[in-house]
PDB file of N, CA and C in Angstrom:
ATOM      1  N   MET A   1       2.538  35.048   5.107  1.00  0.00           N
ATOM      2  CA  MET A   1       3.132  34.542   4.286  1.00  0.00           C
ATOM      3  C   MET A   1       4.937  33.663   4.920  1.00  0.00           C
ATOM      4  N   ALA A   2       5.504  32.443   5.518  1.00  0.00           N
ATOM      5  CA  ALA A   2       5.803  32.221   5.835  1.00  0.00           C
ATOM      6  C   ALA A   2       7.634  32.740   4.981  1.00  0.00           C
ATOM      7  N   SER A   3       8.930  33.087   5.969  1.00  0.00           N
ATOM      8  CA  SER A   3       9.803  33.080   5.034  1.00  0.00           C
ATOM      9  C   SER A   3      10.735  31.956   4.631  1.00  0.00           C
ATOM     10  N   ILE A   4      11.564  32.195   3.783  1.00  0.00           N
ATOM     11  CA  ILE A   4      12.134  30.861   3.042  1.00  0.00           C
ATOM     12  C   ILE A   4      13.035  30.052   4.694  1.00  0.00           C
ATOM     13  N   ALA A   5      13.808  30.296   5.236  1.00  0.00           N
ATOM     14  CA  ALA A   5      13.696  29.827   6.252  1.00  0.00           C
ATOM     15  C   ALA A   5      13.159  29.115   6.905  1.00  0.00           C
ATOM     16  N   THR A   6      11.605  29.478   7.084  1.00  0.00           N
ATOM     17  CA  THR A   6      10.535  28.900   7.664  1.00  0.00           C
ATOM     18  C   THR A   6      10.349  27.960   6.893  1.00  0.00           C
ATOM     19  N   ASN A   7       9.924  28.253   5.244  1.00  0.00           N
ATOM     20  CA  ASN A   7       9.660  26.879   4.441  1.00  0.00           C
ATOM     21  C   ASN A   7      10.751  25.529   4.144  1.00  0.00           C
ATOM     22  N   ILE A   8      12.149  26.015   4.402  1.00  0.00           N
ATOM     23  CA  ILE A   8      13.301  25.350   4.243  1.00  0.00           C
ATOM     24  C   ILE A   8      12.730  24.325   5.854  1.00  0.00           C
ATOM     25  N   ALA A   9      12.303  24.642   6.323  1.00  0.00           N
ATOM     26  CA  ALA A   9      12.743  23.711   7.704  1.00  0.00           C
ATOM     27  C   ALA A   9      11.460  22.700   7.687  1.00  0.00           C
ATOM     28  N   THR A  10      10.510  23.219   7.108  1.00  0.00           N
ATOM     29  CA  THR A  10       9.688  22.871   6.495  1.00  0.00           C
ATOM     30  C   THR A  10       9.338  21.804   6.162  1.00  0.00           C
ATOM     31  N   ILE A  11      10.291  21.897   5.321  1.00  0.00           N
ATOM     32  CA  ILE A  11      10.378  21.311   3.740  1.00  0.00           C
ATOM     33  C   ILE A  11      11.486  19.629   4.778  1.00  0.00           C
ATOM     34  N   GLN A  12      11.918  20.669   4.863  1.00  0.00           N
ATOM     35  CA  GLN A  12      13.465  19.181   5.830  1.00  0.00           C
ATOM     36  C   GLN A  12      13.279  18.641   6.997  1.00  0.00           C
ATOM     37  N   THR A  13      11.762  18.593   7.572  1.00  0.00           N
ATOM     38  CA  THR A  13      11.023  18.310   8.801  1.00  0.00           C
ATOM     39  C   THR A  13      10.054  16.902   7.847  1.00  0.00           C
ATOM     40  N   LYS A  14       9.366  17.388   6.837  1.00  0.00           N
ATOM     41  CA  LYS A  14       8.341  16.906   6.281  1.00  0.00           C
ATOM     42  C   LYS A  14       9.343  15.476   5.499  1.00  0.00           C
ATOM     43  N   ALA A  15      10.514  15.590   5.282  1.00  0.00           N
ATOM     44  CA  ALA A  15      11.278  14.775   4.431  1.00  0.00           C
ATOM     45  C   ALA A  15      11.674  13.974   5.319  1.00  0.00           C
ATOM     46  N   VAL A  16      12.328  14.476   6.392  1.00  0.00           N
ATOM     47  CA  VAL A  16      12.081  12.773   7.241  1.00  0.00           C
ATOM     48  C   VAL A  16      11.411  12.329   7.202  1.00  0.00           C
ATOM     49  N   GLU A  17       9.893  13.007   7.591  1.00  0.00           N
ATOM     50  CA  GLU A  17       8.272  11.960   8.031  1.00  0.00           C
ATOM     51  C   GLU A  17       8.313  11.068   6.504  1.00  0.00           C
ATOM     52  N   LEU A  18       8.761  11.329   5.193  1.00  0.00           N
ATOM     53  CA  LEU A  18       8.135  11.107   4.396  1.00  0.00           C
ATOM     54  C   LEU A  18       9.466   9.781   4.406  1.00  0.00           C
ATOM     55  N   ASP A  19      10.562   9.405   4.619  1.00  0.00           N
ATOM     56  CA  ASP A  19      11.802   8.870   4.029  1.00  0.00           C
ATOM     57  C   ASP A  19      11.332   7.743   5.361  1.00  0.00           C
ATOM     58  N   THR A  20      10.906   7.975   6.511  1.00  0.00           N
ATOM     59  CA  THR A  20       9.816   6.797   7.450  1.00  0.00           C
ATOM     60  C   THR A  20       8.868   5.796   6.863  1.00  0.00           C
ATOM     61  N   LEU A  21       7.962   7.017   6.210  1.00  0.00           N
ATOM     62  CA  LEU A  21       6.880   6.214   5.700  1.00  0.00           C
ATOM     63  C   LEU A  21       7.384   5.550   4.877  1.00  0.00           C
ATOM     64  N   ILE A  22       8.279   6.226   3.523  1.00  0.00           N
ATOM     65  CA  ILE A  22       8.622   5.171   2.450  1.00  0.00           C
ATOM     66  C   ILE A  22       9.556   3.632   2.925  1.00  0.00           C
ATOM     67  N   GLY A  23      10.375   3.930   4.031  1.00  0.00           N
ATOM     68  CA  GLY A  23      10.809   2.552   5.137  1.00  0.00           C
ATOM     69  C   GLY A  23       9.536   1.537   5.510  1.00  0.00           C
ATOM     70  N   GLN A  24       7.996   2.021   5.647  1.00  0.00           N
ATOM     71  CA  GLN A  24       7.233   1.495   6.326  1.00  0.00           C
ATOM     72  C   GLN A  24       6.267   0.983   5.137  1.00  0.00           C
ATOM     73  N   VAL A  25       6.686   1.939   4.094  1.00  0.00           N
ATOM     74  CA  VAL A  25       6.151   0.883   2.421  1.00  0.00           C
ATOM     75  C   VAL A  25       6.665  -0.366   2.668  1.00  0.00           C
ATOM     76  N   ARG A  26       8.181  -0.379   2.348  1.00  0.00           N
ATOM     77  CA  ARG A  26       8.715  -0.912   1.627  1.00  0.00           C
ATOM     78  C   ARG A  26       8.823  -2.677   1.901  1.00  0.00           C
ATOM     79  N   ALA A  27       8.218  -2.096   3.573  1.00  0.00           N
ATOM     80  CA  ALA A  27       8.556  -3.285   4.599  1.00  0.00           C
ATOM     81  C   ALA A  27       6.942  -4.484   4.827  1.00  0.00           C
ATOM     82  N   ALA A  28       6.482  -3.081   4.765  1.00  0.00           N
ATOM     83  CA  ALA A  28       4.637  -3.787   4.203  1.00  0.00           C
ATOM     84  C   ALA A  28       4.631  -4.563   3.325  1.00  0.00           C
ATOM     85  N   LYS A  29       5.300  -4.090   2.308  1.00  0.00           N
ATOM     86  CA  LYS A  29       5.235  -4.359   0.707  1.00  0.00           C
ATOM     87  C   LYS A  29       5.792  -5.678   0.456  1.00  0.00           C
ATOM     88  N   ALA A  30       6.436  -5.363   1.529  1.00  0.00           N
ATOM     89  CA  ALA A  30       8.062  -7.062   0.841  1.00  0.00           C
ATOM     90  C   ALA A  30       6.892  -8.213   1.556  1.00  0.00           C
ATOM     91  N   VAL A  31       6.561  -7.953   2.917  1.00  0.00           N
ATOM     92  CA  VAL A  31       5.370  -8.943   4.119  1.00  0.00           C
ATOM     93  C   VAL A  31       4.258  -9.555   3.122  1.00  0.00           C
ATOM     94  N   ILE A  32       3.613  -8.782   2.258  1.00  0.00           N
ATOM     95  CA  ILE A  32       2.534  -8.681   1.348  1.00  0.00           C
ATOM     96  C   ILE A  32       3.044  -9.405   0.453  1.00  0.00           C
ATOM     97  N   GLU A  33       3.653  -8.814  -0.077  1.00  0.00           N
ATOM     98  CA  GLU A  33       4.037  -9.776  -1.186  1.00  0.00           C
ATOM     99  C   GLU A  33       4.619 -11.421  -0.907  1.00  0.00           C
ATOM    100  N   ALA A  34       5.388 -11.847   0.230  1.00  0.00           N
ATOM    101  CA  ALA A  34       6.455 -12.735   0.695  1.00  0.00           C
ATOM    102  C   ALA A  34       4.273 -13.357   0.829  1.00  0.00           C
ATOM    103  N   ALA A  35       2.974 -13.238   0.860  1.00  0.00           N
ATOM    104  CA  ALA A  35       1.802 -13.670   1.640  1.00  0.00           C
ATOM    105  C   ALA A  35       1.414 -14.304   0.400  1.00  0.00           C
ATOM    106  N   GLU A  36       1.798 -13.046  -0.372  1.00  0.00           N
ATOM    107  CA  GLU A  36       0.889 -13.531  -2.124  1.00  0.00           C
ATOM    108  C   GLU A  36       1.145 -14.670  -2.633  1.00  0.00           C
ATOM    109  N   ALA A  37       2.917 -14.882  -2.658  1.00  0.00           N
ATOM    110  CA  ALA A  37       3.686 -15.874  -3.268  1.00  0.00           C
ATOM    111  C   ALA A  37       2.945 -16.674  -2.250  1.00  0.00           C
ATOM    112  N   GLU A  38       3.365 -16.934  -0.992  1.00  0.00           N
ATOM    113  CA  GLU A  38       2.793 -18.444  -0.958  1.00  0.00           C
ATOM    114  C   GLU A  38       1.170 -18.909  -0.763  1.00  0.00           C
ATOM    115  N   ILE A  39       0.394 -17.747  -0.748  1.00  0.00           N
ATOM    116  CA  ILE A  39      -0.695 -17.986  -1.275  1.00  0.00           C
ATOM    117  C   ILE A  39      -0.926 -18.611  -2.658  1.00  0.00           C
ATOM    118  N   ARG A  40       0.053 -18.023  -3.616  1.00  0.00           N
ATOM    119  CA  ARG A  40      -0.651 -18.824  -4.901  1.00  0.00           C
ATOM    120  C   ARG A  40       0.306 -19.728  -4.607  1.00  0.00           C
ATOM    121  N   GLN A  41       1.315 -20.791  -3.948  1.00  0.00           N
ATOM    122  CA  GLN A  41       1.514 -21.244  -4.007  1.00  0.00           C
ATOM    123  C   GLN A  41       0.841 -22.983  -3.314  1.00  0.00           C
ATOM    124  N   LEU A  42      -0.397 -22.310  -2.281  1.00  0.00           N
ATOM    125  CA  LEU A  42      -0.544 -23.334  -1.928  1.00  0.00           C
ATOM    126  C   LEU A  42      -2.031 -23.283  -2.750  1.00  0.00           C
ATOM    127  N   ARG A  43      -2.438 -22.113  -3.440  1.00  0.00           N
ATOM    128  CA  ARG A  43      -3.928 -22.003  -3.874  1.00  0.00           C
ATOM    129  C   ARG A  43      -3.976 -22.595  -5.117  1.00  0.00           C
ATOM    130  N   PRO A  44      -4.901 -24.315  -5.266  1.00  0.00           N
ATOM    131  CA  PRO A  44      -5.111 -24.716  -6.671  1.00  0.00           C
ATOM    132  C   PRO A  44      -5.152 -23.911  -7.613  1.00  0.00           C
ATOM    133  N   LYS A  45      -4.933 -24.159  -8.775  1.00  0.00           N
ATOM    134  CA  LYS A  45      -4.760 -23.483  -9.365  1.00  0.00           C
ATOM    135  C   LYS A  45      -5.889 -23.522 -10.267  1.00  0.00           C
ATOM    136  N   SER A  46      -6.384 -24.324 -10.142  1.00  0.00           N
ATOM    137  CA  SER A  46      -7.902 -24.383 -10.262  1.00  0.00           C
ATOM    138  C   SER A  46      -8.880 -23.504 -10.688  1.00  0.00           C
ATOM    139  N   ASP A  47      -8.185 -22.542  -9.003  1.00  0.00           N
ATOM    140  CA  ASP A  47      -9.153 -21.995  -8.033  1.00  0.00           C
ATOM    141  C   ASP A  47      -8.725 -20.529  -8.388  1.00  0.00           C
ATOM    142  N   PRO A  48      -9.848 -19.591  -9.174  1.00  0.00           N
ATOM    143  CA  PRO A  48     -10.046 -18.248  -9.278  1.00  0.00           C
ATOM    144  C   PRO A  48      -9.509 -17.040  -8.655  1.00  0.00           C
ATOM    145  N   SER A  49      -8.384 -16.197  -8.619  1.00  0.00           N
ATOM    146  CA  SER A  49      -8.571 -15.181  -8.137  1.00  0.00           C
ATOM    147  C   SER A  49     -10.208 -13.968  -8.331  1.00  0.00           C
ATOM    148  N   ARG A  50     -10.369 -13.664  -7.598  1.00  0.00           N
ATOM    149  CA  ARG A  50     -11.104 -12.361  -6.977  1.00  0.00           C
ATOM    150  C   ARG A  50     -10.381 -11.285  -6.972  1.00  0.00           C
ATOM    151  N   ALA A  51     -10.808  -9.562  -6.827  1.00  0.00           N
ATOM    152  CA  ALA A  51     -10.677  -8.570  -7.995  1.00  0.00           C
ATOM    153  C   ALA A  51      -9.410  -8.436  -6.150  1.00  0.00           C
ATOM    154  N   TYR A  52      -7.720  -7.851  -6.463  1.00  0.00           N
ATOM    155  CA  TYR A  52      -7.286  -7.103  -5.303  1.00  0.00           C
ATOM    156  C   TYR A  52      -6.290  -8.311  -4.932  1.00  0.00           C
ATOM    157  N   GLN A  53      -7.158 -10.000  -5.196  1.00  0.00           N
ATOM    158  CA  GLN A  53      -6.468 -10.921  -4.213  1.00  0.00           C
ATOM    159  C   GLN A  53      -5.050 -10.905  -4.906  1.00  0.00           C
ATOM    160  N   GLU A  54      -3.906 -11.062  -4.464  1.00  0.00           N
ATOM    161  CA  GLU A  54      -2.673 -11.132  -4.808  1.00  0.00           C
ATOM    162  C   GLU A  54      -2.066 -10.734  -5.509  1.00  0.00           C
ATOM    163  N   ARG A  55      -2.448  -9.618  -5.665  1.00  0.00           N
ATOM    164  CA  ARG A  55      -1.420  -8.000  -6.036  1.00  0.00           C
ATOM    165  C   ARG A  55      -1.830  -6.873  -5.185  1.00  0.00           C
ATOM    166  N   LEU A  56      -2.437  -7.073  -3.584  1.00  0.00           N
ATOM    167  CA  LEU A  56      -2.622  -5.831  -3.178  1.00  0.00           C
ATOM    168  C   LEU A  56      -1.381  -4.657  -2.768  1.00  0.00           C
ATOM    169  N   ALA A  57      -0.520  -5.503  -2.990  1.00  0.00           N
ATOM    170  CA  ALA A  57       0.770  -3.941  -2.720  1.00  0.00           C
ATOM    171  C   ALA A  57       0.839  -3.103  -3.869  1.00  0.00           C
ATOM    172  N   LEU A  58       0.299  -3.674  -5.544  1.00  0.00           N
ATOM    173  CA  LEU A  58       0.390  -3.291  -6.481  1.00  0.00           C
ATOM    174  C   LEU A  58      -0.352  -2.027  -6.090  1.00  0.00           C
ATOM    175  N   VAL A  59      -1.587  -2.661  -5.958  1.00  0.00           N
ATOM    176  CA  VAL A  59      -2.621  -1.429  -5.736  1.00  0.00           C
ATOM    177  C   VAL A  59      -2.598  -0.288  -4.505  1.00  0.00           C
ATOM    178  N   ALA A  60      -1.677  -0.757  -3.561  1.00  0.00           N
ATOM    179  CA  ALA A  60      -0.962   0.068  -2.788  1.00  0.00           C
ATOM    180  C   ALA A  60      -0.267   0.790  -3.073  1.00  0.00           C
ATOM    181  N   LEU A  61       0.644   0.592  -3.824  1.00  0.00           N
ATOM    182  CA  LEU A  61       1.569   1.541  -4.820  1.00  0.00           C
ATOM    183  C   LEU A  61       0.813   2.709  -5.432  1.00  0.00           C
ATOM    184  N   ASP A  62       0.095   2.260  -5.601  1.00  0.00           N
ATOM    185  CA  ASP A  62      -0.707   2.917  -7.218  1.00  0.00           C
ATOM    186  C   ASP A  62      -1.431   4.256  -6.231  1.00  0.00           C
ATOM    187  N   ALA A  63      -2.221   3.340  -5.835  1.00  0.00           N
ATOM    188  CA  ALA A  63      -2.841   4.614  -4.304  1.00  0.00           C
ATOM    189  C   ALA A  63      -1.775   5.440  -3.942  1.00  0.00           C
ATOM    190  N   ILE A  64      -0.676   5.261  -3.513  1.00  0.00           N
ATOM    191  CA  ILE A  64       0.537   6.221  -2.632  1.00  0.00           C
ATOM    192  C   ILE A  64       0.742   7.133  -3.665  1.00  0.00           C
ATOM    193  N   GLY A  65       0.392   6.840  -4.840  1.00  0.00           N
ATOM    194  CA  GLY A  65       1.160   7.409  -6.415  1.00  0.00           C
ATOM    195  C   GLY A  65      -0.171   8.656  -6.579  1.00  0.00           C
ATOM    196  N   LYS A  66      -1.733   8.612  -5.884  1.00  0.00           N
ATOM    197  CA  LYS A  66      -1.854   9.228  -6.344  1.00  0.00           C
ATOM    198  C   LYS A  66      -3.325   9.449  -5.400  1.00  0.00           C
ATOM    199  N   PRO A  67      -2.410  10.857  -4.719  1.00  0.00           N
ATOM    200  CA  PRO A  67      -3.087  10.771  -2.666  1.00  0.00           C
ATOM    201  C   PRO A  67      -4.095  11.524  -2.986  1.00  0.00           C
ATOM    202  N   SER A  68      -4.446  12.177  -3.742  1.00  0.00           N
ATOM    203  CA  SER A  68      -5.590  13.384  -4.646  1.00  0.00           C
ATOM    204  C   SER A  68      -6.379  12.660  -4.173  1.00  0.00           C
ATOM    205  N   ILE A  69      -6.792  11.948  -4.969  1.00  0.00           N
ATOM    206  CA  ILE A  69      -8.157  10.893  -5.286  1.00  0.00           C
ATOM    207  C   ILE A  69      -8.619  10.680  -3.927  1.00  0.00           C
ATOM    208  N   ALA A  70      -9.827  11.371  -3.415  1.00  0.00           N
ATOM    209  CA  ALA A  70     -10.694  11.629  -2.408  1.00  0.00           C
ATOM    210  C   ALA A  70     -11.680   9.920  -2.815  1.00  0.00           C
ATOM    211  N   GLY A  71     -12.277   9.450  -2.053  1.00  0.00           N
ATOM    212  CA  GLY A  71     -13.213   8.624  -2.010  1.00  0.00           C
ATOM    213  C   GLY A  71     -13.125   7.130  -2.208  1.00  0.00           C
ATOM    214  N   ASP A  72     -11.896   7.023  -2.317  1.00  0.00           N
ATOM    215  CA  ASP A  72     -11.167   6.017  -2.800  1.00  0.00           C
ATOM    216  C   ASP A  72     -11.110   4.957  -1.646  1.00  0.00           C
ATOM    217  N   LYS A  73     -11.810   3.447  -1.937  1.00  0.00           N
ATOM    218  CA  LYS A  73     -11.411   2.561  -0.525  1.00  0.00           C
ATOM    219  C   LYS A  73     -10.140   2.405  -0.619  1.00  0.00           C
ATOM    220  N   THR A  74     -10.059   2.423   1.069  1.00  0.00           N
ATOM    221  CA  THR A  74      -8.557   2.237   1.683  1.00  0.00           C
ATOM    222  C   THR A  74      -8.337   0.524   1.689  1.00  0.00           C
ATOM    223  N   ILE A  75      -7.062   0.841   1.752  1.00  0.00           N
ATOM    224  CA  ILE A  75      -6.670  -0.958   0.794  1.00  0.00           C
ATOM    225  C   ILE A  75      -6.532  -1.734   2.164  1.00  0.00           C
ATOM    226  N   ALA A  76      -6.886  -1.684   3.322  1.00  0.00           N
ATOM    227  CA  ALA A  76      -7.423  -2.553   4.288  1.00  0.00           C
ATOM    228  C   ALA A  76      -9.195  -2.766   3.947  1.00  0.00           C
ATOM    229  N   GLU A  77      -9.915  -2.001   3.729  1.00  0.00           N
ATOM    230  CA  GLU A  77     -10.781  -2.629   2.414  1.00  0.00           C
ATOM    231  C   GLU A  77     -10.814  -2.855   1.685  1.00  0.00           C
ATOM    232  N   LEU A  78     -10.431  -3.239   0.867  1.00  0.00           N
ATOM    233  CA  LEU A  78      -9.975  -3.606  -0.647  1.00  0.00           C
ATOM    234  C   LEU A  78      -9.790  -5.283  -0.129  1.00  0.00           C
ATOM    235  N   ALA A  79      -8.592  -5.309   1.072  1.00  0.00           N
ATOM    236  CA  ALA A  79      -8.002  -6.903   1.815  1.00  0.00           C
ATOM    237  C   ALA A  79      -9.498  -7.533   2.408  1.00  0.00           C
ATOM    238  N   ALA A  80      -9.818  -6.696   2.938  1.00  0.00           N
ATOM    239  CA  ALA A  80     -11.143  -7.754   3.490  1.00  0.00           C
ATOM    240  C   ALA A  80     -12.411  -8.006   2.266  1.00  0.00           C
ATOM    241  N   ALA A  81     -12.506  -6.712   1.730  1.00  0.00           N
ATOM    242  CA  ALA A  81     -13.506  -7.353   0.542  1.00  0.00           C
ATOM    243  C   ALA A  81     -12.865  -8.290  -0.022  1.00  0.00           C
ATOM    244  N   ALA A  82     -11.712  -8.500  -0.542  1.00  0.00           N
ATOM    245  CA  ALA A  82     -11.135  -9.369  -1.391  1.00  0.00           C
ATOM    246  C   ALA A  82     -10.666 -10.714  -0.443  1.00  0.00           C
ATOM    247  N   TRP A  83     -10.323 -10.970   0.605  1.00  0.00           N
ATOM    248  CA  TRP A  83     -10.486 -12.308   1.410  1.00  0.00           C
ATOM    249  C   TRP A  83     -11.599 -12.642   1.830  1.00  0.00           C
ATOM    250  N   ALA A  84     -12.927 -11.690   1.802  1.00  0.00           N
ATOM    251  CA  ALA A  84     -13.701 -12.590   2.519  1.00  0.00           C
ATOM    252  C   ALA A  84     -14.554 -13.266   2.079  1.00  0.00           C
ATOM    253  N   GLY A  85     -14.500 -14.388   3.635  1.00  0.00           N
ATOM    254  CA  GLY A  85     -14.781 -16.064   3.241  1.00  0.00           C
ATOM    255  C   GLY A  85     -14.064 -16.991   3.111  1.00  0.00           C
ATOM    256  N   VAL A  86     -13.272 -16.613   2.880  1.00  0.00           N
ATOM    257  CA  VAL A  86     -11.552 -17.759   2.145  1.00  0.00           C
ATOM    258  C   VAL A  86     -10.887 -17.704   3.480  1.00  0.00           C
ATOM    259  N   ALA A  87     -10.405 -19.290   3.031  1.00  0.00           N
ATOM    260  CA  ALA A  87      -9.868 -19.780   4.237  1.00  0.00           C
ATOM    261  C   ALA A  87      -8.377 -20.770   4.058  1.00  0.00           C
TER     262      ALA A  87
END
């Protein structure tokens, strides 16, 4: 069993990693949301959306909230399936 000091050091180190990841998530989310908003403006209103189109950033945030669930498709897999064949 690690000492209290060792555990505190581990927590502090991992907290820095989490801060970095949070910054990366915020940046990626902003870029994805901007692209999704532009797609909504450019896409004909009569064109129906398929699963995960135009809301992928929200799906990603949900996946971050439940990281212990194994076997889910990755966000990259969902994006590829959602936009396959769309130009």
